[in-house]
C-alpha atoms as a PDB file:
ATOM      1  CA  MET A   1     201.769  41.887 381.344  1.00  0.00           C
ATOM      2  CA  LYS A   2     202.634  45.594 381.363  1.00  0.00           C
ATOM      3  CA  THR A   3     202.518  47.059 384.617  1.00  0.00           C
ATOM      4  CA  PRO A   4     202.100  50.875 385.217  1.00  0.00           C
ATOM      5  CA  ALA A   5     203.211  51.098 388.457  1.00  0.00           C
ATOM      6  CA  LEU A   6     206.639  49.510 387.789  1.00  0.00           C
ATOM      7  CA  VAL A   7     209.989  51.285 387.443  1.00  0.00           C
ATOM      8  CA  MET A   8     212.691  49.282 386.240  1.00  0.00           C
ATOM      9  CA  ASP A   9     216.035  50.703 387.514  1.00  0.00           C
ATOM     10  CA  LEU A  10     219.032  49.040 385.374  1.00  0.00           C
ATOM     11  CA  GLY A  11     222.304  50.148 386.737  1.00  0.00           C
ATOM     12  CA  MET A  12     220.887  50.514 390.402  1.00  0.00           C
ATOM     13  CA  ASN A  13     224.532  51.744 391.855  1.00  0.00           C
ATOM     14  CA  ASN A  14     223.930  53.230 395.461  1.00  0.00           C
ATOM     15  CA  GLY A  15     220.296  53.208 395.314  1.00  0.00           C
ATOM     16  CA  ASP A  16     219.400  57.102 394.768  1.00  0.00           C
ATOM     17  CA  ASP A  17     217.303  56.458 391.497  1.00  0.00           C
ATOM     18  CA  SER A  18     215.288  53.841 392.959  1.00  0.00           C
ATOM     19  CA  ALA A  19     215.032  56.055 396.324  1.00  0.00           C
ATOM     20  CA  TYR A  20     213.495  58.583 393.924  1.00  0.00           C
ATOM     21  CA  TYR A  21     211.049  56.143 392.636  1.00  0.00           C
ATOM     22  CA  LEU A  22     209.753  54.544 395.624  1.00  0.00           C
ATOM     23  CA  ALA A  23     208.990  57.973 396.591  1.00  0.00           C
ATOM     24  CA  LYS A  24     207.109  58.617 393.585  1.00  0.00           C
ATOM     25  CA  GLY A  25     204.806  55.770 394.818  1.00  0.00           C
ATOM     26  CA  PHE A  26     206.076  53.112 392.235  1.00  0.00           C
ATOM     27  CA  ALA A  27     207.196  49.608 392.683  1.00  0.00           C
ATOM     28  CA  VAL A  28     210.633  49.042 391.417  1.00  0.00           C
ATOM     29  CA  VAL A  29     212.919  46.213 389.967  1.00  0.00           C
ATOM     30  CA  ALA A  30     216.333  47.380 390.554  1.00  0.00           C
ATOM     31  CA  LEU A  31     219.633  45.435 388.982  1.00  0.00           C
ATOM     32  CA  GLU A  32     222.869  45.794 390.122  1.00  0.00           C
ATOM     33  CA  ALA A  33     225.920  43.398 389.240  1.00  0.00           C
ATOM     34  CA  ASN A  34     228.391  44.894 392.171  1.00  0.00           C
ATOM     35  CA  GLY A  35     227.802  42.778 394.980  1.00  0.00           C
ATOM     36  CA  GLU A  36     229.033  45.658 397.540  1.00  0.00           C
ATOM     37  CA  LEU A  37     226.558  48.011 396.308  1.00  0.00           C
ATOM     38  CA  VAL A  38     223.863  45.282 396.430  1.00  0.00           C
ATOM     39  CA  ALA A  39     224.756  44.565 400.022  1.00  0.00           C
ATOM     40  CA  ALA A  40     224.475  48.399 400.883  1.00  0.00           C
ATOM     41  CA  CYS A  41     221.267  48.872 399.289  1.00  0.00           C
ATOM     42  CA  ARG A  42     219.711  45.892 400.948  1.00  0.00           C
ATOM     43  CA  ARG A  43     220.573  47.882 404.072  1.00  0.00           C
ATOM     44  CA  ARG A  44     219.465  50.889 402.943  1.00  0.00           C
ATOM     45  CA  PHE A  45     216.027  49.588 401.765  1.00  0.00           C
ATOM     46  CA  VAL A  46     215.021  47.030 404.173  1.00  0.00           C
ATOM     47  CA  GLY A  47     211.795  48.199 404.757  1.00  0.00           C
ATOM     48  CA  GLU A  48     210.991  48.553 401.002  1.00  0.00           C
ATOM     49  CA  ILE A  49     212.077  45.072 400.193  1.00  0.00           C
ATOM     50  CA  ALA A  50     210.416  43.444 403.092  1.00  0.00           C
ATOM     51  CA  SER A  51     207.223  45.151 401.876  1.00  0.00           C
ATOM     52  CA  GLY A  52     207.532  43.930 398.345  1.00  0.00           C
ATOM     53  CA  ARG A  53     207.728  47.350 396.885  1.00  0.00           C
ATOM     54  CA  LEU A  54     211.452  46.997 395.845  1.00  0.00           C
ATOM     55  CA  THR A  55     213.037  43.681 394.283  1.00  0.00           C
ATOM     56  CA  ILE A  56     216.746  43.868 393.617  1.00  0.00           C
ATOM     57  CA  VAL A  57     218.423  41.840 390.947  1.00  0.00           C
ATOM     58  CA  GLU A  58     221.978  40.982 391.912  1.00  0.00           C
ATOM     59  CA  ALA A  59     223.035  40.265 387.953  1.00  0.00           C
ATOM     60  CA  ALA A  60     224.650  41.979 384.910  1.00  0.00           C
ATOM     61  CA  ILE A  61     222.565  42.544 382.071  1.00  0.00           C
ATOM     62  CA  PHE A  62     223.999  41.065 378.964  1.00  0.00           C
ATOM     63  CA  SER A  63     223.085  39.479 375.291  1.00  0.00           C
ATOM     64  CA  SER A  64     222.568  36.086 376.832  1.00  0.00           C
ATOM     65  CA  GLU A  65     222.090  34.165 380.162  1.00  0.00           C
ATOM     66  CA  GLY A  66     224.584  32.669 382.320  1.00  0.00           C
ATOM     67  CA  GLU A  67     227.641  34.058 383.874  1.00  0.00           C
ATOM     68  CA  VAL A  68     230.114  37.085 382.847  1.00  0.00           C
ATOM     69  CA  THR A  69     233.121  38.674 384.041  1.00  0.00           C
ATOM     70  CA  PHE A  70     232.428  42.193 386.000  1.00  0.00           C
ATOM     71  CA  LEU A  71     235.041  44.517 386.778  1.00  0.00           C
ATOM     72  CA  VAL A  72     234.745  46.540 389.505  1.00  0.00           C
ATOM     73  CA  ASN A  73     236.420  49.754 389.127  1.00  0.00           C
ATOM     74  CA  GLU A  74     238.290  50.461 392.356  1.00  0.00           C
ATOM     75  CA  ALA A  75     238.574  54.198 392.290  1.00  0.00           C
ATOM     76  CA  ASN A  76     234.936  55.120 390.999  1.00  0.00           C
ATOM     77  CA  ASP A  77     232.190  52.495 391.447  1.00  0.00           C
ATOM     78  CA  HIS A  78     230.188  54.119 388.661  1.00  0.00           C
ATOM     79  CA  TRP A  79     232.422  53.188 386.252  1.00  0.00           C
ATOM     80  CA  SER A  80     232.164  49.241 386.932  1.00  0.00           C
ATOM     81  CA  SER A  81     231.124  47.470 383.811  1.00  0.00           C
ATOM     82  CA  ILE A  82     231.503  44.081 381.632  1.00  0.00           C
ATOM     83  CA  GLU A  83     233.187  46.140 379.173  1.00  0.00           C
ATOM     84  CA  PRO A  84     237.167  46.616 379.973  1.00  0.00           C
ATOM     85  CA  GLY A  85     237.285  49.922 377.765  1.00  0.00           C
ATOM     86  CA  TRP A  86     234.418  51.483 380.281  1.00  0.00           C
ATOM     87  CA  ALA A  87     235.613  49.733 383.681  1.00  0.00           C
ATOM     88  CA  GLY A  88     239.222  50.532 383.257  1.00  0.00           C
ATOM     89  CA  ARG A  89     238.985  54.352 381.836  1.00  0.00           C
ATOM     90  CA  GLU A  90     241.724  56.839 382.853  1.00  0.00           C
ATOM     91  CA  ASP A  91     243.993  53.950 383.534  1.00  0.00           C
ATOM     92  CA  THR A  92     242.115  53.068 386.774  1.00  0.00           C
ATOM     93  CA  ALA A  93     242.566  49.703 388.578  1.00  0.00           C
ATOM     94  CA  THR A  94     239.609  47.360 388.380  1.00  0.00           C
ATOM     95  CA  ARG A  95     238.842  43.833 390.038  1.00  0.00           C
ATOM     96  CA  PRO A  96     237.048  41.042 388.177  1.00  0.00           C
ATOM     97  CA  VAL A  97     234.425  38.959 389.826  1.00  0.00           C
ATOM     98  CA  THR A  98     232.069  36.618 388.139  1.00  0.00           C
ATOM     99  CA  VAL A  99     228.480  37.354 388.106  1.00  0.00           C
ATOM    100  CA  PRO A 100     225.224  36.165 386.905  1.00  0.00           C
ATOM    101  CA  ALA A 101     223.646  37.592 383.777  1.00  0.00           C
ATOM    102  CA  VAL A 102     220.381  38.097 382.744  1.00  0.00           C
ATOM    103  CA  THR A 103     218.477  39.532 379.534  1.00  0.00           C
ATOM    104  CA  LEU A 104     216.030  42.210 379.225  1.00  0.00           C
ATOM    105  CA  ASP A 105     213.433  39.456 377.977  1.00  0.00           C
ATOM    106  CA  THR A 106     214.059  37.523 381.440  1.00  0.00           C
ATOM    107  CA  LEU A 107     213.423  40.372 383.560  1.00  0.00           C
ATOM    108  CA  PHE A 108     210.304  41.556 381.573  1.00  0.00           C
ATOM    109  CA  ARG A 109     208.861  37.930 381.762  1.00  0.00           C
ATOM    110  CA  ARG A 110     209.865  37.652 385.700  1.00  0.00           C
ATOM    111  CA  HIS A 111     208.776  41.232 386.661  1.00  0.00           C
ATOM    112  CA  GLY A 112     206.681  42.300 384.107  1.00  0.00           C
ATOM    113  CA  VAL A 113     207.108  45.546 381.602  1.00  0.00           C
ATOM    114  CA  PRO A 114     207.695  48.709 383.450  1.00  0.00           C
ATOM    115  CA  HIS A 115     206.104  51.893 383.010  1.00  0.00           C
ATOM    116  CA  TYR A 116     209.436  53.605 382.639  1.00  0.00           C
ATOM    117  CA  LEU A 117     212.892  51.721 382.072  1.00  0.00           C
ATOM    118  CA  LYS A 118     216.065  53.576 383.175  1.00  0.00           C
ATOM    119  CA  ILE A 119     219.429  52.005 381.095  1.00  0.00           C
ATOM    120  CA  ASP A 120     222.425  53.162 382.874  1.00  0.00           C
ATOM    121  CA  VAL A 121     224.613  50.123 382.494  1.00  0.00           C
ATOM    122  CA  GLU A 122     228.104  51.325 381.475  1.00  0.00           C
ATOM    123  CA  GLY A 123     228.828  50.037 377.806  1.00  0.00           C
ATOM    124  CA  VAL A 124     226.159  47.627 377.391  1.00  0.00           C
ATOM    125  CA  ASP A 125     223.407  50.047 376.768  1.00  0.00           C
ATOM    126  CA  GLY A 126     223.494  49.551 373.126  1.00  0.00           C
ATOM    127  CA  ILE A 127     222.804  45.691 373.839  1.00  0.00           C
ATOM    128  CA  VAL A 128     219.768  46.556 376.182  1.00  0.00           C
ATOM    129  CA  LEU A 129     218.513  48.672 373.561  1.00  0.00           C
ATOM    130  CA  ASP A 130     218.525  46.236 370.886  1.00  0.00           C
ATOM    131  CA  GLN A 131     216.780  43.726 373.399  1.00  0.00           C
ATOM    132  CA  LEU A 132     214.453  46.519 373.708  1.00  0.00           C
ATOM    133  CA  ALA A 133     213.385  46.869 370.156  1.00  0.00           C
ATOM    134  CA  GLU A 134     212.800  43.262 369.815  1.00  0.00           C
ATOM    135  CA  ALA A 135     210.511  43.109 372.916  1.00  0.00           C
ATOM    136  CA  PRO A 136     206.914  42.544 371.985  1.00  0.00           C
ATOM    137  CA  VAL A 137     205.406  44.689 374.727  1.00  0.00           C
ATOM    138  CA  LYS A 138     207.435  47.625 375.532  1.00  0.00           C
ATOM    139  CA  PRO A 139     207.899  50.423 378.393  1.00  0.00           C
ATOM    140  CA  ALA A 140     205.792  53.757 377.722  1.00  0.00           C
ATOM    141  CA  TYR A 141     209.318  55.570 378.621  1.00  0.00           C
ATOM    142  CA  VAL A 142     212.970  54.848 378.391  1.00  0.00           C
ATOM    143  CA  SER A 143     216.167  56.655 379.219  1.00  0.00           C
ATOM    144  CA  VAL A 144     219.596  55.994 378.515  1.00  0.00           C
ATOM    145  CA  GLU A 145     222.674  57.583 379.282  1.00  0.00           C
ATOM    146  CA  ASP A 146     224.395  59.198 376.188  1.00  0.00           C
ATOM    147  CA  CYS A 147     227.805  58.227 375.137  1.00  0.00           C
ATOM    148  CA  ARG A 148     229.757  58.576 371.805  1.00  0.00           C
ATOM    149  CA  PHE A 149     227.035  55.954 370.521  1.00  0.00           C
ATOM    150  CA  GLY A 150     224.174  58.447 370.891  1.00  0.00           C
ATOM    151  CA  PHE A 151     223.259  58.802 367.092  1.00  0.00           C
ATOM    152  CA  ASP A 152     222.908  54.757 367.003  1.00  0.00           C
ATOM    153  CA  TYR A 153     220.917  55.051 370.484  1.00  0.00           C
ATOM    154  CA  VAL A 154     218.424  57.301 369.075  1.00  0.00           C
ATOM    155  CA  GLU A 155     217.727  55.244 365.542  1.00  0.00           C
ATOM    156  CA  THR A 156     217.691  52.141 367.733  1.00  0.00           C
ATOM    157  CA  LEU A 157     214.634  53.904 369.839  1.00  0.00           C
ATOM    158  CA  SER A 158     213.261  54.847 367.129  1.00  0.00           C
ATOM    159  CA  ARG A 159     213.133  51.477 365.401  1.00  0.00           C
ATOM    160  CA  ALA A 160     211.461  50.034 368.536  1.00  0.00           C
ATOM    161  CA  GLY A 161     208.781  52.686 368.045  1.00  0.00           C
ATOM    162  CA  TYR A 162     209.695  55.532 370.429  1.00  0.00           C
ATOM    163  CA  ARG A 163     208.561  58.715 368.564  1.00  0.00           C
ATOM    164  CA  ARG A 164     209.181  61.449 371.232  1.00  0.00           C
ATOM    165  CA  PHE A 165     212.438  62.369 372.622  1.00  0.00           C
ATOM    166  CA  LYS A 166     214.164  64.821 375.120  1.00  0.00           C
ATOM    167  CA  LEU A 167     217.792  65.544 375.802  1.00  0.00           C
ATOM    168  CA  PHE A 168     218.475  65.934 379.464  1.00  0.00           C
ATOM    169  CA  ASP A 169     221.525  67.757 380.915  1.00  0.00           C
ATOM    170  CA  GLN A 170     222.640  65.575 383.979  1.00  0.00           C
ATOM    171  CA  SER A 171     224.647  68.158 385.406  1.00  0.00           C
ATOM    172  CA  THR A 172     221.685  70.316 386.290  1.00  0.00           C
ATOM    173  CA  VAL A 173     220.076  67.419 388.333  1.00  0.00           C
ATOM    174  CA  PRO A 174     221.070  68.785 391.917  1.00  0.00           C
ATOM    175  CA  GLU A 175     219.237  71.857 390.861  1.00  0.00           C
ATOM    176  CA  LEU A 176     216.233  70.521 390.569  1.00  0.00           C
ATOM    177  CA  ILE A 177     213.129  69.583 392.876  1.00  0.00           C
ATOM    178  CA  ASP A 178     210.050  67.343 392.017  1.00  0.00           C
ATOM    179  CA  PRO A 179     207.441  69.784 393.249  1.00  0.00           C
ATOM    180  CA  ALA A 180     204.894  67.150 393.712  1.00  0.00           C
ATOM    181  CA  ILE A 181     206.764  65.321 396.542  1.00  0.00           C
ATOM    182  CA  THR A 182     209.030  68.215 397.714  1.00  0.00           C
ATOM    183  CA  TYR A 183     212.152  65.774 396.726  1.00  0.00           C
ATOM    184  CA  ARG A 184     215.419  67.242 395.714  1.00  0.00           C
ATOM    185  CA  PHE A 185     217.473  65.239 393.649  1.00  0.00           C
ATOM    186  CA  PRO A 186     221.042  64.313 394.985  1.00  0.00           C
ATOM    187  CA  ALA A 187     224.167  64.943 392.774  1.00  0.00           C
ATOM    188  CA  GLY A 188     224.843  61.809 390.910  1.00  0.00           C
ATOM    189  CA  SER A 189     221.380  60.939 390.451  1.00  0.00           C
ATOM    190  CA  SER A 190     219.208  60.591 387.205  1.00  0.00           C
ATOM    191  CA  GLY A 191     216.714  62.914 388.303  1.00  0.00           C
ATOM    192  CA  PRO A 192     213.159  63.008 386.969  1.00  0.00           C
ATOM    193  CA  PHE A 193     211.763  60.940 384.229  1.00  0.00           C
ATOM    194  CA  GLY A 194     208.817  61.010 381.735  1.00  0.00           C
ATOM    195  CA  GLU A 195     206.410  64.177 381.360  1.00  0.00           C
ATOM    196  CA  ASP A 196     208.380  65.691 384.507  1.00  0.00           C
ATOM    197  CA  VAL A 197     211.730  65.670 382.589  1.00  0.00           C
ATOM    198  CA  PRO A 198     212.254  69.544 381.431  1.00  0.00           C
ATOM    199  CA  GLY A 199     211.930  70.612 377.882  1.00  0.00           C
ATOM    200  CA  GLU A 200     209.433  69.720 374.965  1.00  0.00           C
ATOM    201  CA  TRP A 201     209.516  66.180 373.293  1.00  0.00           C
ATOM    202  CA  LEU A 202     210.977  66.606 370.071  1.00  0.00           C
ATOM    203  CA  ASP A 203     210.281  64.396 367.066  1.00  0.00           C
ATOM    204  CA  VAL A 204     213.130  61.967 366.037  1.00  0.00           C
ATOM    205  CA  GLU A 205     214.598  64.479 363.273  1.00  0.00           C
ATOM    206  CA  GLU A 206     214.044  67.696 365.562  1.00  0.00           C
ATOM    207  CA  PHE A 207     216.066  65.660 368.103  1.00  0.00           C
ATOM    208  CA  VAL A 208     218.993  64.529 366.161  1.00  0.00           C
ATOM    209  CA  GLU A 209     219.378  68.193 364.960  1.00  0.00           C
ATOM    210  CA  LEU A 210     219.375  69.192 368.798  1.00  0.00           C
ATOM    211  CA  TYR A 211     221.741  66.211 369.538  1.00  0.00           C
ATOM    212  CA  ALA A 212     223.911  67.151 366.656  1.00  0.00           C
ATOM    213  CA  THR A 213     224.591  70.720 367.496  1.00  0.00           C
ATOM    214  CA  THR A 214     224.493  70.484 371.488  1.00  0.00           C
ATOM    215  CA  VAL A 215     226.325  66.843 372.535  1.00  0.00           C
ATOM    216  CA  ARG A 216     228.336  66.034 369.320  1.00  0.00           C
ATOM    217  CA  ASP A 217     228.346  66.480 365.822  1.00  0.00           C
ATOM    218  CA  ARG A 218     227.731  64.036 363.115  1.00  0.00           C
ATOM    219  CA  ALA A 219     231.372  63.087 362.555  1.00  0.00           C
ATOM    220  CA  GLY A 220     231.530  62.291 366.567  1.00  0.00           C
ATOM    221  CA  ASN A 221     233.361  65.345 367.738  1.00  0.00           C
ATOM    222  CA  ARG A 222     232.172  66.444 371.037  1.00  0.00           C
ATOM    223  CA  LEU A 223     230.984  70.061 371.233  1.00  0.00           C
ATOM    224  CA  ALA A 224     230.153  70.354 375.029  1.00  0.00           C
ATOM    225  CA  PRO A 225     232.364  70.577 377.823  1.00  0.00           C
ATOM    226  CA  ARG A 226     233.067  67.547 379.984  1.00  0.00           C
ATOM    227  CA  SER A 227     231.075  68.903 382.438  1.00  0.00           C
ATOM    228  CA  ARG A 228     227.958  68.520 381.083  1.00  0.00           C
ATOM    229  CA  TRP A 229     226.739  65.345 380.341  1.00  0.00           C
ATOM    230  CA  TRP A 230     223.302  63.906 379.037  1.00  0.00           C
ATOM    231  CA  ASP A 231     220.230  61.108 379.042  1.00  0.00           C
ATOM    232  CA  ILE A 232     218.319  60.630 376.160  1.00  0.00           C
ATOM    233  CA  HIS A 233     214.551  60.196 377.225  1.00  0.00           C
ATOM    234  CA  ALA A 234     211.930  58.763 374.836  1.00  0.00           C
ATOM    235  CA  LYS A 235     208.235  57.839 374.735  1.00  0.00           C
ATOM    236  CA  ARG A 236     206.239  55.729 372.224  1.00  0.00           C
ATOM    237  CA  ALA A 237     203.504  58.246 371.712  1.00  0.00           C
END
């Protein structure tokens, strides 16, 4: 069942994105594998959880159900990941914990297909997009954190039926306000989504050209300074 009033936040972290979606009036299902962050978010959103507007799923998303080893980065919890290369970047220390694993199909069957799906799961984003491509019913809007696999992400989204794209510079998020609810975005949050993302929607060819001249070229060489980073937004129609 498709639920227009639902947003799914894959990679809840400290809850700043979920707080925005809730402020916009959406119900939210948020996934987070770091138990310490989950506990903090349960305290932060005690009222929203009690009212049923927020459901927190304490698990990692993966290609299959069961359990996985999740590596908690001791220096930067944003880097925590199933993937050792992601979790231990810059030679930082990690702590392994065993957590439940769920698939995107399971989340959709249990909670409904969201209006908007945010994907920011540090090294597992491609796995989620592959599962999205196979989903019989898909969200109207999707975003995924860019990385060196950005060209692959766009190709998978196009294969999944997404036809329009925006490239959103995440370094600009603290400068933005949602005027509809007078909401100022905190640094580190994902910012607006859907039609509220700044810029024009581009078809896949236009988007790839913009990406290849803004973020990294087709050989994989990064073009922009490290002070800038992006989300790729997509919509079906």
